[in-house]
């Protein structure tokens, strides 16, 4: 891979490496690989060994414990774990500044976590909430990845970034996140 990209790339290690924690980097698209670390505006990690409880990888966490798919749960009872994070670069304040104003004003998220398998109010499923835990049922405005079916406003919501551009691409108004958040890759590393 020559530069940060919008593709959903999974290294073979995603399936085979055993780890206790994860580290996430948020890197703007098209940054050359040699500059990933210096260009990452957010770098954070978990430190409590949570993967030990879920088979040692994200693959087993999703496959065996928290499967991803439409209608597999509700936003009030079936969301996956929200793990506290330690920042190496960035802060809760920076995470909040990248979220949509409506997510902040409606208190739908709390920074300082990475959460796995989250359902919205319509039973659609998102895989990961990077930097936040979802407190209410509109996870599609802050989380990434997932089951691929979103009945709200169909076909308006699609892809790994679901509804981060609901009120315009990168406008950072209403339920739209910042352009920086939309035009970045979130890289996952095992620790």
Protein backbone atom coordinates (compact mmCIF):
# COMPACT_ATOMS: atom_id res chain seq x y z
CA UNK A 1 0.00 0.00 0.00
CA UNK A 2 1.66 3.22 -1.16
CA UNK A 3 -0.45 5.84 0.62
CA UNK A 4 -3.36 6.24 3.01
CA UNK A 5 -6.54 5.29 1.18
CA UNK A 6 -10.31 5.09 1.41
CA UNK A 7 -10.31 1.32 0.78
CA UNK A 8 -11.25 -1.15 3.52
CA UNK A 9 -7.93 -2.96 3.51
CA UNK A 10 -7.30 -5.80 5.95
CA UNK A 11 -3.77 -7.08 6.28
CA UNK A 12 -3.57 -10.89 6.66
CA UNK A 13 -2.50 -10.21 10.26
CA UNK A 14 -6.06 -9.08 11.01
CA UNK A 15 -7.03 -12.75 10.91
CA UNK A 16 -3.94 -14.42 12.37
CA UNK A 17 -2.10 -12.17 14.85
CA UNK A 18 -2.88 -12.61 18.52
CA UNK A 19 -2.86 -9.42 20.59
CA UNK A 20 -4.17 -7.89 23.79
CA UNK A 21 -4.83 -4.30 22.69
CA UNK A 22 -5.30 -2.09 19.64
CA UNK A 23 -3.85 1.22 18.50
CA UNK A 24 -5.63 3.54 16.05
CA UNK A 25 -4.15 6.29 13.89
CA UNK A 26 -6.22 8.84 11.95
CA UNK A 27 -4.23 9.83 8.85
CA UNK A 28 -5.36 12.15 6.03
CA UNK A 29 -5.84 10.40 2.69
CA UNK A 30 -2.96 10.33 0.20
CA UNK A 31 -0.22 10.66 2.82
CA UNK A 32 2.82 8.55 1.81
CA UNK A 33 3.46 5.54 4.06
CA UNK A 34 6.75 6.96 5.36
CA UNK A 35 4.82 9.95 6.79
CA UNK A 36 1.91 8.13 8.46
CA UNK A 37 3.12 8.64 12.03
CA UNK A 38 4.00 12.32 11.69
CA UNK A 39 0.80 13.09 9.73
CA UNK A 40 -1.54 11.27 12.11
CA UNK A 41 -3.57 13.92 13.91
CA UNK A 42 -4.96 11.29 16.29
CA UNK A 43 -2.99 8.34 17.67
CA UNK A 44 -4.40 6.42 20.61
CA UNK A 45 -4.44 2.96 22.11
CA UNK A 46 -6.19 0.71 24.54
CA UNK A 47 -4.20 -0.60 27.48
CA UNK A 48 -6.42 -2.95 29.48
CA UNK A 49 -5.85 -6.15 27.48
CA UNK A 50 -9.49 -6.30 26.37
CA UNK A 51 -8.76 -8.54 23.35
CA UNK A 52 -7.70 -11.31 25.75
CA UNK A 53 -11.41 -11.69 26.56
CA UNK A 54 -12.39 -11.95 22.88
CA UNK A 55 -9.99 -14.44 21.32
CA UNK A 56 -7.02 -12.12 20.87
CA UNK A 57 -8.03 -10.33 17.66
CA UNK A 58 -10.64 -8.08 16.11
CA UNK A 59 -11.48 -10.93 13.77
CA UNK A 60 -12.54 -13.17 16.67
CA UNK A 61 -14.19 -10.29 18.54
CA UNK A 62 -16.54 -9.77 15.57
CA UNK A 63 -16.81 -13.40 14.44
CA UNK A 64 -17.38 -15.11 17.80
CA UNK A 65 -18.67 -12.43 20.18
CA UNK A 66 -20.13 -9.39 18.42
CA UNK A 67 -21.15 -10.25 14.84
CA UNK A 68 -21.86 -7.39 12.45
CA UNK A 69 -25.16 -7.26 10.59
CA UNK A 70 -28.48 -5.54 10.25
CA UNK A 71 -31.14 -6.52 12.79
CA UNK A 72 -28.84 -8.51 15.08
CA UNK A 73 -29.55 -6.27 18.07
CA UNK A 74 -30.80 -2.99 19.48
CA UNK A 75 -29.01 0.18 20.50
CA UNK A 76 -30.22 -0.14 24.10
CA UNK A 77 -29.03 -3.69 24.89
CA UNK A 78 -26.67 -5.19 22.35
CA UNK A 79 -23.78 -2.82 21.71
CA UNK A 80 -20.27 -4.17 22.13
CA UNK A 81 -17.54 -3.06 24.53
CA UNK A 82 -16.43 0.56 24.88
CA UNK A 83 -12.75 0.51 25.81
CA UNK A 84 -10.98 3.54 27.37
CA UNK A 85 -8.10 4.94 25.29
CA UNK A 86 -4.78 6.65 26.01
CA UNK A 87 -3.75 9.39 23.59
CA UNK A 88 -0.28 9.49 22.09
CA UNK A 89 -1.34 12.34 19.78
CA UNK A 90 -4.58 14.30 20.13
CA UNK A 91 -7.15 14.77 22.87
CA UNK A 92 -10.83 14.44 23.74
CA UNK A 93 -11.24 18.04 22.57
CA UNK A 94 -9.81 17.23 19.13
CA UNK A 95 -12.05 14.15 18.81
CA UNK A 96 -15.11 16.29 19.64
CA UNK A 97 -14.09 18.92 17.08
CA UNK A 98 -14.19 16.27 14.34
CA UNK A 99 -17.72 15.11 15.22
CA UNK A 100 -20.82 16.75 13.78
CA UNK A 101 -22.28 19.66 15.76
CA UNK A 102 -25.57 17.77 16.21
CA UNK A 103 -23.80 14.75 17.74
CA UNK A 104 -22.21 17.12 20.26
CA UNK A 105 -25.30 19.23 21.02
CA UNK A 106 -27.52 16.15 21.43
CA UNK A 107 -24.87 14.49 23.62
CA UNK A 108 -24.80 11.36 21.47
CA UNK A 109 -21.13 10.53 22.06
CA UNK A 110 -18.49 10.66 24.76
CA UNK A 111 -14.82 10.92 23.71
CA UNK A 112 -11.99 8.89 25.21
CA UNK A 113 -13.06 5.42 24.06
CA UNK A 114 -13.09 3.06 21.13
CA UNK A 115 -16.33 1.08 20.91
CA UNK A 116 -17.05 -2.03 18.89
CA UNK A 117 -20.33 -3.20 17.29
CA UNK A 118 -22.88 -0.47 17.85
CA UNK A 119 -26.51 -0.42 16.67
CA UNK A 120 -28.50 2.65 15.73
CA UNK A 121 -32.19 3.18 16.49
CA UNK A 122 -33.14 1.39 13.24
CA UNK A 123 -31.12 -1.78 14.06
CA UNK A 124 -28.36 -0.93 11.57
CA UNK A 125 -24.93 -1.93 12.79
CA UNK A 126 -21.63 -0.05 12.76
CA UNK A 127 -18.37 -1.91 13.45
CA UNK A 128 -16.26 0.67 15.31
CA UNK A 129 -16.71 4.05 16.98
CA UNK A 130 -13.15 5.43 16.86
CA UNK A 131 -12.37 7.81 19.71
CA UNK A 132 -15.88 7.72 21.19
CA UNK A 133 -18.54 5.62 22.83
CA UNK A 134 -22.02 6.01 21.35
CA UNK A 135 -24.50 7.18 24.00
CA UNK A 136 -27.64 7.37 21.85
CA UNK A 137 -29.05 5.68 18.77
CA UNK A 138 -27.45 7.70 15.94
CA UNK A 139 -24.13 5.88 15.75
CA UNK A 140 -24.05 6.19 11.94
CA UNK A 141 -23.06 9.84 12.41
CA UNK A 142 -19.86 9.00 14.34
CA UNK A 143 -18.90 5.36 13.77
CA UNK A 144 -17.43 3.48 10.80
CA UNK A 145 -17.75 0.14 9.06
CA UNK A 146 -20.61 -2.22 9.57
CA UNK A 147 -23.41 -4.31 8.23
CA UNK A 148 -24.04 -2.32 5.07
CA UNK A 149 -27.81 -1.79 5.33
CA UNK A 150 -29.24 1.46 6.68
CA UNK A 151 -33.00 1.87 6.17
CA UNK A 152 -33.06 5.55 7.21
CA UNK A 153 -33.07 7.73 4.12
CA UNK A 154 -32.11 4.78 1.90
CA UNK A 155 -30.00 4.88 -0.20
CA UNK A 156 -28.55 8.04 1.36
CA UNK A 157 -26.47 6.14 3.91
CA UNK A 158 -23.95 3.68 2.58
CA UNK A 159 -20.34 2.60 2.84
CA UNK A 160 -17.93 2.58 5.74
CA UNK A 161 -18.68 6.18 6.73
CA UNK A 162 -22.48 5.63 6.84
CA UNK A 163 -23.96 9.04 7.51
CA UNK A 164 -21.03 11.29 8.33
CA UNK A 165 -22.08 13.60 5.46
CA UNK A 166 -25.83 13.73 6.16
CA UNK A 167 -25.99 17.55 5.94
CA UNK A 168 -23.33 18.00 3.26
CA UNK A 169 -19.90 16.62 2.50
CA UNK A 170 -17.39 17.88 5.07
CA UNK A 171 -19.53 20.88 6.03
CA UNK A 172 -19.29 20.30 9.80
CA UNK A 173 -22.89 21.51 10.19
CA UNK A 174 -25.92 19.60 11.47
CA UNK A 175 -25.15 15.88 11.27
CA UNK A 176 -22.13 16.28 8.97
CA UNK A 177 -18.62 15.82 10.27
CA UNK A 178 -15.56 17.79 9.29
CA UNK A 179 -13.90 17.35 5.92
CA UNK A 180 -10.73 16.18 7.69
CA UNK A 181 -12.60 13.29 9.35
CA UNK A 182 -14.25 12.21 6.08
CA UNK A 183 -11.05 12.44 4.05
CA UNK A 184 -8.93 10.36 6.41
CA UNK A 185 -8.20 6.71 6.93
CA UNK A 186 -8.44 5.11 10.37
CA UNK A 187 -5.61 2.61 10.73
CA UNK A 188 -5.82 -0.23 13.24
CA UNK A 189 -2.76 -1.87 14.75
CA UNK A 190 -2.52 -4.78 17.16
CA UNK A 191 -0.49 -4.36 20.36
